[in-house]
Amino acid sequence: MPTPEIVTSKSAKPKPAEVQKAAARKGDSGAALSDDELHQLIAQAAYRFAQQRSFAPGHELDDWLAAEAEVKQSIGLS
């Protein structure tokens, strides 16, 4: 599994390369991502959020929901 990119500033949230590539694929072909691809992108973004807060426990659901919203917005699903 590729290592998610590290974001050093919490105010700047660049789109992970994986999300940019998926959005480009969706936009170019008009085809939607598979459920597995969408799940993988969300998992990578959630990991990045957890990493930003040094993996402090108790925020796993918040990380997942924020990642899901970010990925879906990035690829135009929301």
PDB file of N, CA and C in Angstrom:
ATOM      1  N   MET A   1       0.851  -1.174   0.000  1.00  0.00           N
ATOM      2  CA  MET A   1       0.000   0.000   0.000  1.00  0.00           C
ATOM      3  C   MET A   1       0.894   1.234   0.000  1.00  0.00           C
ATOM      4  N   PRO A   2       0.629   2.198  -0.894  1.00  0.00           N
ATOM      5  CA  PRO A   2       1.459   3.398  -0.931  1.00  0.00           C
ATOM      6  C   PRO A   2       1.277   4.231   0.324  1.00  0.00           C
ATOM      7  N   THR A   3       2.320   4.924   0.690  1.00  0.00           N
ATOM      8  CA  THR A   3       2.264   5.789   1.856  1.00  0.00           C
ATOM      9  C   THR A   3       1.497   7.053   1.500  1.00  0.00           C
ATOM     10  N   PRO A   4       0.481   7.443   2.294  1.00  0.00           N
ATOM     11  CA  PRO A   4      -0.245   8.672   2.005  1.00  0.00           C
ATOM     12  C   PRO A   4       0.686   9.870   2.118  1.00  0.00           C
ATOM     13  N   GLU A   5       0.416  10.894   1.318  1.00  0.00           N
ATOM     14  CA  GLU A   5       1.287  12.059   1.387  1.00  0.00           C
ATOM     15  C   GLU A   5       1.074  12.793   2.702  1.00  0.00           C
ATOM     16  N   ILE A   6       2.103  13.445   3.181  1.00  0.00           N
ATOM     17  CA  ILE A   6       2.077  14.124   4.466  1.00  0.00           C
ATOM     18  C   ILE A   6       1.731  15.581   4.241  1.00  0.00           C
ATOM     19  N   VAL A   7       0.766  16.054   5.003  1.00  0.00           N
ATOM     20  CA  VAL A   7       0.380  17.460   4.939  1.00  0.00           C
ATOM     21  C   VAL A   7       0.925  18.126   6.181  1.00  0.00           C
ATOM     22  N   THR A   8       1.723  19.168   5.997  1.00  0.00           N
ATOM     23  CA  THR A   8       2.356  19.792   7.149  1.00  0.00           C
ATOM     24  C   THR A   8       1.529  20.921   7.725  1.00  0.00           C
ATOM     25  N   SER A   9       0.628  21.482   6.973  1.00  0.00           N
ATOM     26  CA  SER A   9      -0.199  22.571   7.462  1.00  0.00           C
ATOM     27  C   SER A   9      -1.652  22.137   7.516  1.00  0.00           C
ATOM     28  N   LYS A  10      -2.287  22.328   8.658  1.00  0.00           N
ATOM     29  CA  LYS A  10      -3.685  21.934   8.790  1.00  0.00           C
ATOM     30  C   LYS A  10      -4.608  22.876   8.036  1.00  0.00           C
ATOM     31  N   SER A  11      -4.177  24.121   7.803  1.00  0.00           N
ATOM     32  CA  SER A  11      -5.040  25.062   7.101  1.00  0.00           C
ATOM     33  C   SER A  11      -5.066  24.783   5.605  1.00  0.00           C
ATOM     34  N   ALA A  12      -3.981  24.285   5.061  1.00  0.00           N
ATOM     35  CA  ALA A  12      -3.933  23.955   3.636  1.00  0.00           C
ATOM     36  C   ALA A  12      -4.198  22.468   3.483  1.00  0.00           C
ATOM     37  N   LYS A  13      -5.224  22.122   2.711  1.00  0.00           N
ATOM     38  CA  LYS A  13      -5.560  20.728   2.519  1.00  0.00           C
ATOM     39  C   LYS A  13      -5.447  20.395   1.039  1.00  0.00           C
ATOM     40  N   PRO A  14      -4.214  20.174   0.567  1.00  0.00           N
ATOM     41  CA  PRO A  14      -4.093  19.797  -0.833  1.00  0.00           C
ATOM     42  C   PRO A  14      -4.720  18.429  -1.052  1.00  0.00           C
ATOM     43  N   LYS A  15      -5.253  18.220  -2.236  1.00  0.00           N
ATOM     44  CA  LYS A  15      -5.837  16.934  -2.540  1.00  0.00           C
ATOM     45  C   LYS A  15      -4.716  15.914  -2.697  1.00  0.00           C
ATOM     46  N   PRO A  16      -4.879  14.756  -2.079  1.00  0.00           N
ATOM     47  CA  PRO A  16      -3.878  13.718  -2.274  1.00  0.00           C
ATOM     48  C   PRO A  16      -3.792  13.360  -3.755  1.00  0.00           C
ATOM     49  N   ALA A  17      -2.636  12.936  -4.182  1.00  0.00           N
ATOM     50  CA  ALA A  17      -2.424  12.590  -5.586  1.00  0.00           C
ATOM     51  C   ALA A  17      -3.422  11.534  -6.047  1.00  0.00           C
ATOM     52  N   GLU A  18      -3.753  10.595  -5.173  1.00  0.00           N
ATOM     53  CA  GLU A  18      -4.686   9.536  -5.545  1.00  0.00           C
ATOM     54  C   GLU A  18      -6.065  10.104  -5.876  1.00  0.00           C
ATOM     55  N   VAL A  19      -6.504  11.097  -5.116  1.00  0.00           N
ATOM     56  CA  VAL A  19      -7.812  11.709  -5.356  1.00  0.00           C
ATOM     57  C   VAL A  19      -7.779  12.504  -6.659  1.00  0.00           C
ATOM     58  N   GLN A  20      -6.695  13.218  -6.901  1.00  0.00           N
ATOM     59  CA  GLN A  20      -6.569  13.978  -8.143  1.00  0.00           C
ATOM     60  C   GLN A  20      -6.611  13.052  -9.350  1.00  0.00           C
ATOM     61  N   LYS A  21      -5.902  11.926  -9.272  1.00  0.00           N
ATOM     62  CA  LYS A  21      -5.896  10.977 -10.374  1.00  0.00           C
ATOM     63  C   LYS A  21      -7.288  10.384 -10.594  1.00  0.00           C
ATOM     64  N   ALA A  22      -7.972  10.054  -9.488  1.00  0.00           N
ATOM     65  CA  ALA A  22      -9.312   9.480  -9.609  1.00  0.00           C
ATOM     66  C   ALA A  22     -10.282  10.488 -10.210  1.00  0.00           C
ATOM     67  N   ALA A  23     -10.176  11.735  -9.794  1.00  0.00           N
ATOM     68  CA  ALA A  23     -11.048  12.774 -10.338  1.00  0.00           C
ATOM     69  C   ALA A  23     -10.776  12.961 -11.825  1.00  0.00           C
ATOM     70  N   ALA A  24      -9.517  12.907 -12.206  1.00  0.00           N
ATOM     71  CA  ALA A  24      -9.165  13.043 -13.623  1.00  0.00           C
ATOM     72  C   ALA A  24      -9.722  11.873 -14.424  1.00  0.00           C
ATOM     73  N   ARG A  25      -9.603  10.658 -13.879  1.00  0.00           N
ATOM     74  CA  ARG A  25     -10.140   9.487 -14.582  1.00  0.00           C
ATOM     75  C   ARG A  25     -11.641   9.605 -14.752  1.00  0.00           C
ATOM     76  N   LYS A  26     -12.324  10.020 -13.681  1.00  0.00           N
ATOM     77  CA  LYS A  26     -13.778  10.147 -13.731  1.00  0.00           C
ATOM     78  C   LYS A  26     -14.166  11.217 -14.738  1.00  0.00           C
ATOM     79  N   GLY A  27     -13.460  12.336 -14.717  1.00  0.00           N
ATOM     80  CA  GLY A  27     -13.776  13.419 -15.628  1.00  0.00           C
ATOM     81  C   GLY A  27     -13.476  13.083 -17.072  1.00  0.00           C
ATOM     82  N   ASP A  28     -12.398  12.367 -17.331  1.00  0.00           N
ATOM     83  CA  ASP A  28     -12.017  12.031 -18.699  1.00  0.00           C
ATOM     84  C   ASP A  28     -12.947  11.007 -19.320  1.00  0.00           C
ATOM     85  N   SER A  29     -13.287   9.994 -18.566  1.00  0.00           N
ATOM     86  CA  SER A  29     -14.050   8.904 -19.154  1.00  0.00           C
ATOM     87  C   SER A  29     -15.530   8.956 -18.800  1.00  0.00           C
ATOM     88  N   GLY A  30     -15.891   9.723 -17.784  1.00  0.00           N
ATOM     89  CA  GLY A  30     -17.273   9.755 -17.335  1.00  0.00           C
ATOM     90  C   GLY A  30     -17.641   8.544 -16.498  1.00  0.00           C
ATOM     91  N   ALA A  31     -16.716   7.621 -16.304  1.00  0.00           N
ATOM     92  CA  ALA A  31     -16.984   6.416 -15.532  1.00  0.00           C
ATOM     93  C   ALA A  31     -16.790   6.688 -14.052  1.00  0.00           C
ATOM     94  N   ALA A  32     -17.661   6.114 -13.256  1.00  0.00           N
ATOM     95  CA  ALA A  32     -17.554   6.268 -11.803  1.00  0.00           C
ATOM     96  C   ALA A  32     -16.491   5.329 -11.270  1.00  0.00           C
ATOM     97  N   LEU A  33     -15.974   5.663 -10.105  1.00  0.00           N
ATOM     98  CA  LEU A  33     -15.025   4.787  -9.425  1.00  0.00           C
ATOM     99  C   LEU A  33     -15.759   3.570  -8.893  1.00  0.00           C
ATOM    100  N   SER A  34     -15.050   2.475  -8.785  1.00  0.00           N
ATOM    101  CA  SER A  34     -15.646   1.300  -8.161  1.00  0.00           C
ATOM    102  C   SER A  34     -15.756   1.552  -6.657  1.00  0.00           C
ATOM    103  N   ASP A  35     -16.565   0.756  -6.001  1.00  0.00           N
ATOM    104  CA  ASP A  35     -16.689   0.873  -4.544  1.00  0.00           C
ATOM    105  C   ASP A  35     -15.348   0.641  -3.858  1.00  0.00           C
ATOM    106  N   ASP A  36     -14.582  -0.314  -4.377  1.00  0.00           N
ATOM    107  CA  ASP A  36     -13.269  -0.602  -3.789  1.00  0.00           C
ATOM    108  C   ASP A  36     -12.311   0.580  -3.942  1.00  0.00           C
ATOM    109  N   GLU A  37     -12.322   1.222  -5.115  1.00  0.00           N
ATOM    110  CA  GLU A  37     -11.455   2.381  -5.331  1.00  0.00           C
ATOM    111  C   GLU A  37     -11.856   3.535  -4.418  1.00  0.00           C
ATOM    112  N   LEU A  38     -13.154   3.768  -4.301  1.00  0.00           N
ATOM    113  CA  LEU A  38     -13.643   4.837  -3.429  1.00  0.00           C
ATOM    114  C   LEU A  38     -13.263   4.560  -1.977  1.00  0.00           C
ATOM    115  N   HIS A  39     -13.439   3.333  -1.538  1.00  0.00           N
ATOM    116  CA  HIS A  39     -13.089   2.952  -0.170  1.00  0.00           C
ATOM    117  C   HIS A  39     -11.600   3.158   0.084  1.00  0.00           C
ATOM    118  N   GLN A  40     -10.768   2.785  -0.883  1.00  0.00           N
ATOM    119  CA  GLN A  40      -9.314   2.937  -0.734  1.00  0.00           C
ATOM    120  C   GLN A  40      -8.929   4.413  -0.614  1.00  0.00           C
ATOM    121  N   LEU A  41      -9.523   5.266  -1.426  1.00  0.00           N
ATOM    122  CA  LEU A  41      -9.227   6.705  -1.356  1.00  0.00           C
ATOM    123  C   LEU A  41      -9.644   7.291  -0.011  1.00  0.00           C
ATOM    124  N   ILE A  42     -10.804   6.878   0.484  1.00  0.00           N
ATOM    125  CA  ILE A  42     -11.276   7.368   1.779  1.00  0.00           C
ATOM    126  C   ILE A  42     -10.360   6.876   2.893  1.00  0.00           C
ATOM    127  N   ALA A  43      -9.946   5.625   2.831  1.00  0.00           N
ATOM    128  CA  ALA A  43      -9.046   5.079   3.851  1.00  0.00           C
ATOM    129  C   ALA A  43      -7.718   5.828   3.873  1.00  0.00           C
ATOM    130  N   GLN A  44      -7.184   6.148   2.708  1.00  0.00           N
ATOM    131  CA  GLN A  44      -5.920   6.883   2.649  1.00  0.00           C
ATOM    132  C   GLN A  44      -6.077   8.290   3.217  1.00  0.00           C
ATOM    133  N   ALA A  45      -7.179   8.947   2.912  1.00  0.00           N
ATOM    134  CA  ALA A  45      -7.413  10.290   3.443  1.00  0.00           C
ATOM    135  C   ALA A  45      -7.628  10.239   4.956  1.00  0.00           C
ATOM    136  N   ALA A  46      -8.359   9.239   5.452  1.00  0.00           N
ATOM    137  CA  ALA A  46      -8.579   9.098   6.896  1.00  0.00           C
ATOM    138  C   ALA A  46      -7.252   8.865   7.621  1.00  0.00           C
ATOM    139  N   TYR A  47      -6.386   8.069   7.017  1.00  0.00           N
ATOM    140  CA  TYR A  47      -5.068   7.843   7.595  1.00  0.00           C
ATOM    141  C   TYR A  47      -4.305   9.162   7.686  1.00  0.00           C
ATOM    142  N   ARG A  48      -4.385   9.964   6.645  1.00  0.00           N
ATOM    143  CA  ARG A  48      -3.693  11.260   6.624  1.00  0.00           C
ATOM    144  C   ARG A  48      -4.220  12.160   7.746  1.00  0.00           C
ATOM    145  N   PHE A  49      -5.542  12.178   7.944  1.00  0.00           N
ATOM    146  CA  PHE A  49      -6.104  12.983   9.027  1.00  0.00           C
ATOM    147  C   PHE A  49      -5.604  12.487  10.385  1.00  0.00           C
ATOM    148  N   ALA A  50      -5.602  11.177  10.578  1.00  0.00           N
ATOM    149  CA  ALA A  50      -5.119  10.611  11.844  1.00  0.00           C
ATOM    150  C   ALA A  50      -3.646  10.941  12.054  1.00  0.00           C
ATOM    151  N   GLN A  51      -2.878  10.862  10.992  1.00  0.00           N
ATOM    152  CA  GLN A  51      -1.448  11.168  11.064  1.00  0.00           C
ATOM    153  C   GLN A  51      -1.225  12.620  11.465  1.00  0.00           C
ATOM    154  N   GLN A  52      -2.060  13.535  10.957  1.00  0.00           N
ATOM    155  CA  GLN A  52      -1.923  14.960  11.274  1.00  0.00           C
ATOM    156  C   GLN A  52      -2.099  15.240  12.762  1.00  0.00           C
ATOM    157  N   ARG A  53      -2.868  14.407  13.445  1.00  0.00           N
ATOM    158  CA  ARG A  53      -3.066  14.611  14.881  1.00  0.00           C
ATOM    159  C   ARG A  53      -2.305  13.569  15.700  1.00  0.00           C
ATOM    160  N   SER A  54      -1.249  13.035  15.112  1.00  0.00           N
ATOM    161  CA  SER A  54      -0.350  12.083  15.780  1.00  0.00           C
ATOM    162  C   SER A  54      -1.070  10.833  16.264  1.00  0.00           C
ATOM    163  N   PHE A  55      -2.094  10.416  15.556  1.00  0.00           N
ATOM    164  CA  PHE A  55      -2.824   9.183  15.834  1.00  0.00           C
ATOM    165  C   PHE A  55      -3.429   9.129  17.237  1.00  0.00           C
ATOM    166  N   ALA A  56      -3.778  10.303  17.773  1.00  0.00           N
ATOM    167  CA  ALA A  56      -4.450  10.323  19.075  1.00  0.00           C
ATOM    168  C   ALA A  56      -5.762   9.548  18.957  1.00  0.00           C
ATOM    169  N   PRO A  57      -6.033   8.631  19.893  1.00  0.00           N
ATOM    170  CA  PRO A  57      -7.241   7.810  19.796  1.00  0.00           C
ATOM    171  C   PRO A  57      -8.514   8.605  20.078  1.00  0.00           C
ATOM    172  N   GLY A  58      -9.620   8.036  19.608  1.00  0.00           N
ATOM    173  CA  GLY A  58     -10.924   8.613  19.904  1.00  0.00           C
ATOM    174  C   GLY A  58     -11.510   9.467  18.788  1.00  0.00           C
ATOM    175  N   HIS A  59     -10.812   9.591  17.674  1.00  0.00           N
ATOM    176  CA  HIS A  59     -11.294  10.435  16.588  1.00  0.00           C
ATOM    177  C   HIS A  59     -11.420   9.670  15.275  1.00  0.00           C
ATOM    178  N   GLU A  60     -11.447   8.357  15.353  1.00  0.00           N
ATOM    179  CA  GLU A  60     -11.442   7.536  14.155  1.00  0.00           C
ATOM    180  C   GLU A  60     -12.662   7.796  13.275  1.00  0.00           C
ATOM    181  N   LEU A  61     -13.835   7.878  13.878  1.00  0.00           N
ATOM    182  CA  LEU A  61     -15.049   8.127  13.096  1.00  0.00           C
ATOM    183  C   LEU A  61     -15.011   9.522  12.474  1.00  0.00           C
ATOM    184  N   ASP A  62     -14.563  10.502  13.249  1.00  0.00           N
ATOM    185  CA  ASP A  62     -14.446  11.863  12.708  1.00  0.00           C
ATOM    186  C   ASP A  62     -13.483  11.891  11.522  1.00  0.00           C
ATOM    187  N   ASP A  63     -12.359  11.180  11.639  1.00  0.00           N
ATOM    188  CA  ASP A  63     -11.390  11.111  10.547  1.00  0.00           C
ATOM    189  C   ASP A  63     -12.030  10.496   9.301  1.00  0.00           C
ATOM    190  N   TRP A  64     -12.760   9.395   9.501  1.00  0.00           N
ATOM    191  CA  TRP A  64     -13.368   8.703   8.369  1.00  0.00           C
ATOM    192  C   TRP A  64     -14.414   9.596   7.694  1.00  0.00           C
ATOM    193  N   LEU A  65     -15.265  10.226   8.482  1.00  0.00           N
ATOM    194  CA  LEU A  65     -16.319  11.066   7.903  1.00  0.00           C
ATOM    195  C   LEU A  65     -15.743  12.290   7.195  1.00  0.00           C
ATOM    196  N   ALA A  66     -14.705  12.884   7.755  1.00  0.00           N
ATOM    197  CA  ALA A  66     -14.053  14.023   7.099  1.00  0.00           C
ATOM    198  C   ALA A  66     -13.385  13.568   5.800  1.00  0.00           C
ATOM    199  N   ALA A  67     -12.756  12.410   5.836  1.00  0.00           N
ATOM    200  CA  ALA A  67     -12.102  11.875   4.638  1.00  0.00           C
ATOM    201  C   ALA A  67     -13.132  11.552   3.561  1.00  0.00           C
ATOM    202  N   GLU A  68     -14.234  10.956   3.964  1.00  0.00           N
ATOM    203  CA  GLU A  68     -15.293  10.622   3.015  1.00  0.00           C
ATOM    204  C   GLU A  68     -15.839  11.882   2.341  1.00  0.00           C
ATOM    205  N   ALA A  69     -16.084  12.909   3.137  1.00  0.00           N
ATOM    206  CA  ALA A  69     -16.589  14.174   2.582  1.00  0.00           C
ATOM    207  C   ALA A  69     -15.565  14.800   1.631  1.00  0.00           C
ATOM    208  N   GLU A  70     -14.296  14.777   2.020  1.00  0.00           N
ATOM    209  CA  GLU A  70     -13.240  15.361   1.182  1.00  0.00           C
ATOM    210  C   GLU A  70     -13.109  14.642  -0.157  1.00  0.00           C
ATOM    211  N   VAL A  71     -13.089  13.317  -0.099  1.00  0.00           N
ATOM    212  CA  VAL A  71     -12.918  12.543  -1.317  1.00  0.00           C
ATOM    213  C   VAL A  71     -14.130  12.705  -2.232  1.00  0.00           C
ATOM    214  N   LYS A  72     -15.316  12.603  -1.681  1.00  0.00           N
ATOM    215  CA  LYS A  72     -16.527  12.729  -2.505  1.00  0.00           C
ATOM    216  C   LYS A  72     -16.636  14.121  -3.114  1.00  0.00           C
ATOM    217  N   GLN A  73     -16.278  15.134  -2.364  1.00  0.00           N
ATOM    218  CA  GLN A  73     -16.301  16.503  -2.905  1.00  0.00           C
ATOM    219  C   GLN A  73     -15.255  16.649  -4.003  1.00  0.00           C
ATOM    220  N   SER A  74     -14.090  16.067  -3.808  1.00  0.00           N
ATOM    221  CA  SER A  74     -13.003  16.167  -4.758  1.00  0.00           C
ATOM    222  C   SER A  74     -13.320  15.515  -6.102  1.00  0.00           C
ATOM    223  N   ILE A  75     -14.094  14.439  -6.055  1.00  0.00           N
ATOM    224  CA  ILE A  75     -14.420  13.747  -7.308  1.00  0.00           C
ATOM    225  C   ILE A  75     -15.829  14.073  -7.796  1.00  0.00           C
ATOM    226  N   GLY A  76     -16.480  15.021  -7.126  1.00  0.00           N
ATOM    227  CA  GLY A  76     -17.773  15.497  -7.590  1.00  0.00           C
ATOM    228  C   GLY A  76     -18.952  14.591  -7.267  1.00  0.00           C
ATOM    229  N   LEU A  77     -18.882  13.869  -6.166  1.00  0.00           N
ATOM    230  CA  LEU A  77     -19.994  13.010  -5.760  1.00  0.00           C
ATOM    231  C   LEU A  77     -20.913  13.675  -4.738  1.00  0.00           C
ATOM    232  N   SER A  78     -20.555  14.824  -4.245  1.00  0.00           N
ATOM    233  CA  SER A  78     -21.420  15.454  -3.236  1.00  0.00           C
ATOM    234  C   SER A  78     -21.953  16.766  -3.713  1.00  0.00           C
TER     235      SER A  78
END
